[in-house]
C-alpha atoms as a PDB file:
ATOM      1  CA  MET A   1      -1.460 -40.786 -51.527  1.00  0.00           C
ATOM      2  CA  ASN A   2       1.958 -40.840 -53.196  1.00  0.00           C
ATOM      3  CA  PRO A   3       4.040 -44.067 -53.041  1.00  0.00           C
ATOM      4  CA  SER A   4       6.804 -42.609 -50.857  1.00  0.00           C
ATOM      5  CA  LEU A   5       4.302 -41.408 -48.237  1.00  0.00           C
ATOM      6  CA  LEU A   6       2.643 -44.826 -48.315  1.00  0.00           C
ATOM      7  CA  ARG A   7       6.014 -46.398 -47.592  1.00  0.00           C
ATOM      8  CA  VAL A   8       6.668 -43.974 -44.717  1.00  0.00           C
ATOM      9  CA  LEU A   9       3.295 -44.836 -43.162  1.00  0.00           C
ATOM     10  CA  THR A  10       3.907 -48.557 -43.707  1.00  0.00           C
ATOM     11  CA  GLY A  11       7.290 -48.281 -42.037  1.00  0.00           C
ATOM     12  CA  ALA A  12       5.771 -46.347 -39.129  1.00  0.00           C
ATOM     13  CA  ALA A  13       3.130 -49.072 -38.742  1.00  0.00           C
ATOM     14  CA  ILE A  14       5.872 -51.723 -38.538  1.00  0.00           C
ATOM     15  CA  ILE A  15       7.595 -49.981 -35.611  1.00  0.00           C
ATOM     16  CA  PRO A  16       5.062 -51.092 -32.937  1.00  0.00           C
ATOM     17  CA  ALA A  17       5.472 -54.719 -34.065  1.00  0.00           C
ATOM     18  CA  ILE A  18       9.247 -54.449 -33.685  1.00  0.00           C
ATOM     19  CA  ILE A  19       8.946 -52.926 -30.220  1.00  0.00           C
ATOM     20  CA  LEU A  20       6.262 -55.339 -28.965  1.00  0.00           C
ATOM     21  CA  MET A  21       8.044 -58.452 -30.237  1.00  0.00           C
ATOM     22  CA  ASP A  22       9.574 -60.200 -27.222  1.00  0.00           C
ATOM     23  CA  HIS A  23      10.427 -63.488 -28.925  1.00  0.00           C
ATOM     24  CA  LEU A  24      13.976 -63.816 -30.239  1.00  0.00           C
ATOM     25  CA  ALA A  25      13.038 -65.947 -33.251  1.00  0.00           C
ATOM     26  CA  GLY A  26      10.226 -63.546 -34.164  1.00  0.00           C
ATOM     27  CA  THR A  27      12.552 -60.550 -33.903  1.00  0.00           C
ATOM     28  CA  PHE A  28      15.066 -62.383 -36.080  1.00  0.00           C
ATOM     29  CA  ALA A  29      12.389 -63.131 -38.689  1.00  0.00           C
ATOM     30  CA  ILE A  30      11.262 -59.493 -38.864  1.00  0.00           C
ATOM     31  CA  THR A  31      14.880 -58.326 -39.054  1.00  0.00           C
ATOM     32  CA  VAL A  32      15.552 -60.656 -41.996  1.00  0.00           C
ATOM     33  CA  ILE A  33      12.435 -59.362 -43.770  1.00  0.00           C
ATOM     34  CA  LEU A  34      13.554 -55.749 -43.323  1.00  0.00           C
ATOM     35  CA  ILE A  35      17.071 -56.549 -44.546  1.00  0.00           C
ATOM     36  CA  LEU A  36      15.643 -58.220 -47.665  1.00  0.00           C
ATOM     37  CA  LEU A  37      13.393 -55.211 -48.293  1.00  0.00           C
ATOM     38  CA  ALA A  38      16.329 -52.817 -47.988  1.00  0.00           C
ATOM     39  CA  VAL A  39      18.462 -54.958 -50.325  1.00  0.00           C
ATOM     40  CA  LYS A  40      15.561 -55.117 -52.793  1.00  0.00           C
ATOM     41  CA  GLU A  41      15.591 -51.316 -52.868  1.00  0.00           C
ATOM     42  CA  GLY A  42      19.283 -51.249 -53.731  1.00  0.00           C
ATOM     43  CA  ARG A  43      20.774 -50.913 -50.252  1.00  0.00           C
ATOM     44  CA  ARG A  44      23.946 -52.822 -49.508  1.00  0.00           C
ATOM     45  CA  PHE A  45      24.018 -55.506 -46.844  1.00  0.00           C
ATOM     46  CA  ARG A  46      27.330 -55.891 -45.060  1.00  0.00           C
ATOM     47  CA  PRO A  47      27.345 -58.958 -42.805  1.00  0.00           C
ATOM     48  CA  LEU A  48      30.438 -58.042 -40.772  1.00  0.00           C
ATOM     49  CA  PRO A  49      29.127 -54.847 -39.062  1.00  0.00           C
ATOM     50  CA  ASN A  50      25.907 -56.652 -38.162  1.00  0.00           C
ATOM     51  CA  ILE A  51      27.788 -59.660 -36.800  1.00  0.00           C
ATOM     52  CA  ILE A  52      30.032 -57.369 -34.743  1.00  0.00           C
ATOM     53  CA  LEU A  53      27.006 -55.519 -33.372  1.00  0.00           C
ATOM     54  CA  LEU A  54      25.221 -58.781 -32.537  1.00  0.00           C
ATOM     55  CA  THR A  55      28.314 -60.246 -30.876  1.00  0.00           C
ATOM     56  CA  THR A  56      29.295 -57.213 -28.818  1.00  0.00           C
ATOM     57  CA  VAL A  57      25.805 -56.444 -27.518  1.00  0.00           C
ATOM     58  CA  SER A  58      25.202 -60.111 -26.635  1.00  0.00           C
ATOM     59  CA  ALA A  59      28.585 -60.342 -24.908  1.00  0.00           C
ATOM     60  CA  ALA A  60      27.928 -57.156 -22.929  1.00  0.00           C
ATOM     61  CA  HIS A  61      24.743 -58.635 -21.493  1.00  0.00           C
ATOM     62  CA  THR A  62      26.588 -61.655 -20.127  1.00  0.00           C
ATOM     63  CA  LEU A  63      27.920 -59.339 -17.415  1.00  0.00           C
ATOM     64  CA  GLN A  64      24.518 -59.769 -15.732  1.00  0.00           C
ATOM     65  CA  PRO A  65      23.855 -63.527 -15.475  1.00  0.00           C
ATOM     66  CA  TYR A  66      20.254 -64.554 -16.080  1.00  0.00           C
ATOM     67  CA  GLY A  67      18.619 -67.859 -16.921  1.00  0.00           C
ATOM     68  CA  ARG A  68      20.120 -71.242 -17.583  1.00  0.00           C
ATOM     69  CA  TYR A  69      23.843 -71.659 -16.924  1.00  0.00           C
ATOM     70  CA  LEU A  70      25.897 -72.598 -20.003  1.00  0.00           C
ATOM     71  CA  PHE A  71      29.581 -72.318 -19.121  1.00  0.00           C
ATOM     72  CA  SER A  72      32.101 -70.073 -17.366  1.00  0.00           C
ATOM     73  CA  ILE A  73      34.782 -67.755 -18.673  1.00  0.00           C
ATOM     74  CA  PHE A  74      37.383 -67.859 -15.918  1.00  0.00           C
ATOM     75  CA  THR A  75      35.041 -67.497 -12.936  1.00  0.00           C
ATOM     76  CA  HIS A  76      32.262 -65.571 -14.665  1.00  0.00           C
ATOM     77  CA  PRO A  77      29.143 -67.577 -15.578  1.00  0.00           C
ATOM     78  CA  VAL A  78      27.663 -67.247 -19.070  1.00  0.00           C
ATOM     79  CA  THR A  79      23.913 -67.836 -19.163  1.00  0.00           C
ATOM     80  CA  LEU A  80      21.435 -68.493 -21.949  1.00  0.00           C
ATOM     81  CA  GLY A  81      19.020 -65.816 -20.778  1.00  0.00           C
ATOM     82  CA  SER A  82      21.656 -63.069 -20.879  1.00  0.00           C
ATOM     83  CA  LEU A  83      22.749 -64.043 -24.382  1.00  0.00           C
ATOM     84  CA  ALA A  84      19.133 -64.113 -25.559  1.00  0.00           C
ATOM     85  CA  ILE A  85      18.396 -60.648 -24.144  1.00  0.00           C
ATOM     86  CA  GLY A  86      21.549 -59.217 -25.732  1.00  0.00           C
ATOM     87  CA  ALA A  87      20.800 -60.810 -29.096  1.00  0.00           C
ATOM     88  CA  HIS A  88      17.232 -59.501 -28.975  1.00  0.00           C
ATOM     89  CA  LYS A  89      18.396 -55.929 -28.340  1.00  0.00           C
ATOM     90  CA  ALA A  90      21.003 -56.150 -31.096  1.00  0.00           C
ATOM     91  CA  LEU A  91      18.435 -57.453 -33.589  1.00  0.00           C
ATOM     92  CA  LEU A  92      16.085 -54.678 -32.512  1.00  0.00           C
ATOM     93  CA  LEU A  93      18.716 -52.093 -33.393  1.00  0.00           C
ATOM     94  CA  ILE A  94      19.558 -53.790 -36.706  1.00  0.00           C
ATOM     95  CA  SER A  95      15.886 -53.968 -37.663  1.00  0.00           C
ATOM     96  CA  PHE A  96      15.445 -50.229 -37.089  1.00  0.00           C
ATOM     97  CA  ILE A  97      18.534 -49.478 -39.185  1.00  0.00           C
ATOM     98  CA  TYR A  98      17.260 -51.456 -42.164  1.00  0.00           C
ATOM     99  CA  LEU A  99      13.712 -50.187 -41.745  1.00  0.00           C
ATOM    100  CA  SER A 100      15.080 -46.659 -42.097  1.00  0.00           C
ATOM    101  CA  HIS A 101      17.028 -47.751 -45.193  1.00  0.00           C
ATOM    102  CA  TYR A 102      13.851 -49.179 -46.702  1.00  0.00           C
ATOM    103  CA  ILE A 103      11.863 -46.021 -46.007  1.00  0.00           C
ATOM    104  CA  MET A 104      14.532 -43.603 -47.203  1.00  0.00           C
ATOM    105  CA  ALA A 105      15.149 -45.530 -50.430  1.00  0.00           C
ATOM    106  CA  SER A 106      11.881 -44.101 -51.743  1.00  0.00           C
ATOM    107  CA  LYS A 107      13.072 -40.489 -51.150  1.00  0.00           C
ATOM    108  CA  PRO A 108       9.976 -39.684 -49.063  1.00  0.00           C
ATOM    109  CA  VAL A 109       7.743 -36.859 -50.301  1.00  0.00           C
ATOM    110  CA  ILE A 110       5.470 -35.673 -47.472  1.00  0.00           C
ATOM    111  CA  PRO A 111       2.730 -33.077 -48.128  1.00  0.00           C
ATOM    112  CA  GLY A 112       2.631 -29.643 -46.501  1.00  0.00           C
ATOM    113  CA  LYS A 113       5.365 -27.200 -45.510  1.00  0.00           C
ATOM    114  CA  LEU A 114       6.434 -29.307 -42.546  1.00  0.00           C
ATOM    115  CA  GLY A 115       6.324 -32.370 -44.771  1.00  0.00           C
ATOM    116  CA  SER A 116       8.541 -30.673 -47.347  1.00  0.00           C
ATOM    117  CA  LEU A 117      11.056 -29.865 -44.637  1.00  0.00           C
ATOM    118  CA  LEU A 118      11.007 -33.476 -43.385  1.00  0.00           C
ATOM    119  CA  SER A 119      11.347 -34.763 -46.950  1.00  0.00           C
ATOM    120  CA  LEU A 120      14.387 -32.561 -47.456  1.00  0.00           C
ATOM    121  CA  GLN A 121      15.908 -33.847 -44.213  1.00  0.00           C
ATOM    122  CA  PHE A 122      15.279 -37.451 -45.257  1.00  0.00           C
ATOM    123  CA  TYR A 123      16.847 -36.710 -48.636  1.00  0.00           C
ATOM    124  CA  TYR A 124      20.043 -35.189 -47.286  1.00  0.00           C
ATOM    125  CA  LEU A 125      20.372 -37.772 -44.515  1.00  0.00           C
ATOM    126  CA  ASP A 126      20.207 -40.466 -47.176  1.00  0.00           C
ATOM    127  CA  ARG A 127      22.760 -38.690 -49.393  1.00  0.00           C
ATOM    128  CA  LEU A 128      25.173 -38.015 -46.524  1.00  0.00           C
ATOM    129  CA  THR A 129      24.932 -41.612 -45.293  1.00  0.00           C
ATOM    130  CA  SER A 130      25.546 -43.029 -48.761  1.00  0.00           C
ATOM    131  CA  GLU A 131      28.472 -40.714 -49.486  1.00  0.00           C
ATOM    132  CA  TRP A 132      30.026 -41.301 -46.051  1.00  0.00           C
ATOM    133  CA  LYS A 133      30.175 -45.043 -46.696  1.00  0.00           C
ATOM    134  CA  SER A 134      32.036 -44.457 -49.959  1.00  0.00           C
ATOM    135  CA  ILE A 135      34.876 -42.523 -48.282  1.00  0.00           C
ATOM    136  CA  PRO A 136      37.794 -44.930 -47.630  1.00  0.00           C
ATOM    137  CA  HIS A 137      39.738 -42.765 -45.149  1.00  0.00           C
ATOM    138  CA  LYS A 138      37.709 -40.878 -42.561  1.00  0.00           C
ATOM    139  CA  ARG A 139      40.461 -38.914 -40.778  1.00  0.00           C
ATOM    140  CA  PRO A 140      40.921 -36.107 -39.984  1.00  0.00           C
ATOM    141  CA  TYR A 141      37.197 -35.908 -39.282  1.00  0.00           C
ATOM    142  CA  LEU A 142      36.673 -32.176 -39.863  1.00  0.00           C
ATOM    143  CA  ALA A 143      38.367 -32.249 -43.262  1.00  0.00           C
ATOM    144  CA  VAL A 144      36.437 -35.349 -44.284  1.00  0.00           C
ATOM    145  CA  ILE A 145      33.102 -33.855 -43.180  1.00  0.00           C
ATOM    146  CA  ASP A 146      33.865 -30.656 -45.097  1.00  0.00           C
ATOM    147  CA  ALA A 147      34.721 -32.673 -48.219  1.00  0.00           C
ATOM    148  CA  LEU A 148      31.569 -34.739 -47.751  1.00  0.00           C
ATOM    149  CA  LEU A 149      29.332 -31.653 -47.683  1.00  0.00           C
ATOM    150  CA  VAL A 150      31.036 -30.218 -50.765  1.00  0.00           C
ATOM    151  CA  ARG A 151      30.650 -33.528 -52.622  1.00  0.00           C
ATOM    152  CA  VAL A 152      26.935 -33.787 -51.842  1.00  0.00           C
ATOM    153  CA  SER A 153      26.368 -30.156 -52.842  1.00  0.00           C
ATOM    154  CA  ASP A 154      28.278 -30.543 -56.119  1.00  0.00           C
ATOM    155  CA  ARG A 155      26.435 -33.717 -57.088  1.00  0.00           C
ATOM    156  CA  ASP A 156      23.079 -32.097 -56.341  1.00  0.00           C
ATOM    157  CA  GLN A 157      23.944 -29.252 -58.697  1.00  0.00           C
ATOM    158  CA  GLU A 158      25.119 -31.677 -61.387  1.00  0.00           C
ATOM    159  CA  ASP A 159      22.225 -34.090 -61.140  1.00  0.00           C
ATOM    160  CA  ALA A 160      19.533 -31.560 -60.177  1.00  0.00           C
ATOM    161  CA  VAL A 161      17.888 -34.286 -58.113  1.00  0.00           C
ATOM    162  CA  MET A 162      15.780 -33.043 -55.240  1.00  0.00           C
ATOM    163  CA  PRO A 163      12.597 -34.317 -53.603  1.00  0.00           C
ATOM    164  CA  SER A 164       9.664 -33.302 -55.784  1.00  0.00           C
ATOM    165  CA  SER A 165       6.408 -31.877 -54.508  1.00  0.00           C
ATOM    166  CA  THR A 166       3.426 -34.100 -53.898  1.00  0.00           C
ATOM    167  CA  ALA A 167       1.557 -32.354 -56.704  1.00  0.00           C
ATOM    168  CA  ASP A 168       4.029 -33.763 -59.224  1.00  0.00           C
ATOM    169  CA  THR A 169       3.967 -37.269 -57.756  1.00  0.00           C
ATOM    170  CA  PRO A 170       1.447 -39.865 -59.010  1.00  0.00           C
ATOM    171  CA  GLY A 171      -0.643 -41.690 -56.460  1.00  0.00           C
ATOM    172  CA  ALA A 172       0.214 -45.148 -55.193  1.00  0.00           C
ATOM    173  CA  SER A 173      -1.010 -47.968 -57.410  1.00  0.00           C
ATOM    174  CA  VAL A 174      -3.280 -50.806 -56.309  1.00  0.00           C
ATOM    175  CA  ARG A 175      -0.288 -53.149 -56.385  1.00  0.00           C
ATOM    176  CA  GLN A 176       1.683 -50.863 -54.051  1.00  0.00           C
ATOM    177  CA  TRP A 177      -1.241 -50.777 -51.625  1.00  0.00           C
ATOM    178  CA  GLU A 178      -1.478 -54.570 -51.776  1.00  0.00           C
ATOM    179  CA  TRP A 179       2.258 -54.846 -51.163  1.00  0.00           C
ATOM    180  CA  SER A 180       2.073 -52.588 -48.090  1.00  0.00           C
ATOM    181  CA  ILE A 181      -0.959 -54.390 -46.648  1.00  0.00           C
ATOM    182  CA  GLY A 182       0.665 -57.772 -47.303  1.00  0.00           C
ATOM    183  CA  LEU A 183       3.885 -56.674 -45.599  1.00  0.00           C
ATOM    184  CA  LEU A 184       2.009 -55.483 -42.523  1.00  0.00           C
ATOM    185  CA  ALA A 185      -0.011 -58.712 -42.467  1.00  0.00           C
ATOM    186  CA  ILE A 186       3.182 -60.796 -42.490  1.00  0.00           C
ATOM    187  CA  VAL A 187       4.906 -58.753 -39.773  1.00  0.00           C
ATOM    188  CA  TYR A 188       1.903 -58.727 -37.438  1.00  0.00           C
ATOM    189  CA  SER A 189       1.223 -62.416 -38.083  1.00  0.00           C
ATOM    190  CA  ILE A 190       4.750 -63.130 -36.845  1.00  0.00           C
ATOM    191  CA  LEU A 191       4.047 -60.973 -33.789  1.00  0.00           C
ATOM    192  CA  LEU A 192       0.757 -62.710 -32.969  1.00  0.00           C
ATOM    193  CA  PHE A 193       2.129 -66.205 -33.572  1.00  0.00           C
ATOM    194  CA  SER A 194       5.259 -65.559 -31.492  1.00  0.00           C
ATOM    195  CA  THR A 195       3.431 -64.333 -28.396  1.00  0.00           C
ATOM    196  CA  PRO A 196       2.298 -67.747 -27.025  1.00  0.00           C
ATOM    197  CA  VAL A 197       5.520 -69.403 -28.169  1.00  0.00           C
ATOM    198  CA  SER A 198       7.630 -66.789 -26.367  1.00  0.00           C
ATOM    199  CA  GLU A 199       6.045 -67.696 -23.035  1.00  0.00           C
ATOM    200  CA  LEU A 200       7.214 -71.289 -23.404  1.00  0.00           C
ATOM    201  CA  ILE A 201      10.703 -70.205 -24.504  1.00  0.00           C
ATOM    202  CA  THR A 202      10.949 -67.792 -21.576  1.00  0.00           C
ATOM    203  CA  ARG A 203      10.190 -70.576 -19.118  1.00  0.00           C
ATOM    204  CA  VAL A 204      12.843 -72.782 -20.709  1.00  0.00           C
ATOM    205  CA  VAL A 205      15.479 -70.046 -20.783  1.00  0.00           C
ATOM    206  CA  SER A 206      14.862 -68.914 -17.212  1.00  0.00           C
ATOM    207  CA  GLY A 207      14.740 -72.496 -15.946  1.00  0.00           C
END
């Protein structure tokens, strides 16, 4: 198994843990791990967009009061449960974003014809996302998108960098297997440990 496919499978195995995690602290811990993994692979971490996402989603959920009362904005009550639910959903979204960054950093090479097509899609999605972030002015949109496609095409021709076939890719090393197994062990340990704790937190929040 090539290293990029191993990373894809590892990332896919992390998804159930993210979805099943119902404890805010556990979700936060997994999100931090995924951010660190993405940064380790050369991805940039920008705090402001994540803070804005966390703030807006949490604020939106205060429209439906739930749990312990904290304070009021004018006549609208703000509750701890609503803030916790909003923060959990925001962290869920952030964790998926950085999980995709971690997976795509390896330029996934998937065997078979369908796998080659998926690898090519992963490759161009990664290139388009990276190039889009480097464009300072993004209006008018159609002209910017056209320039973006031309830039990606020109750089591909210059660099001649495309996803290689699995036949040309060496298999994953023992260390890479150990790294993947260790990562899954950490993530699922957080999930299993957080389950009984979340029941106590839920009772406190809803009280």
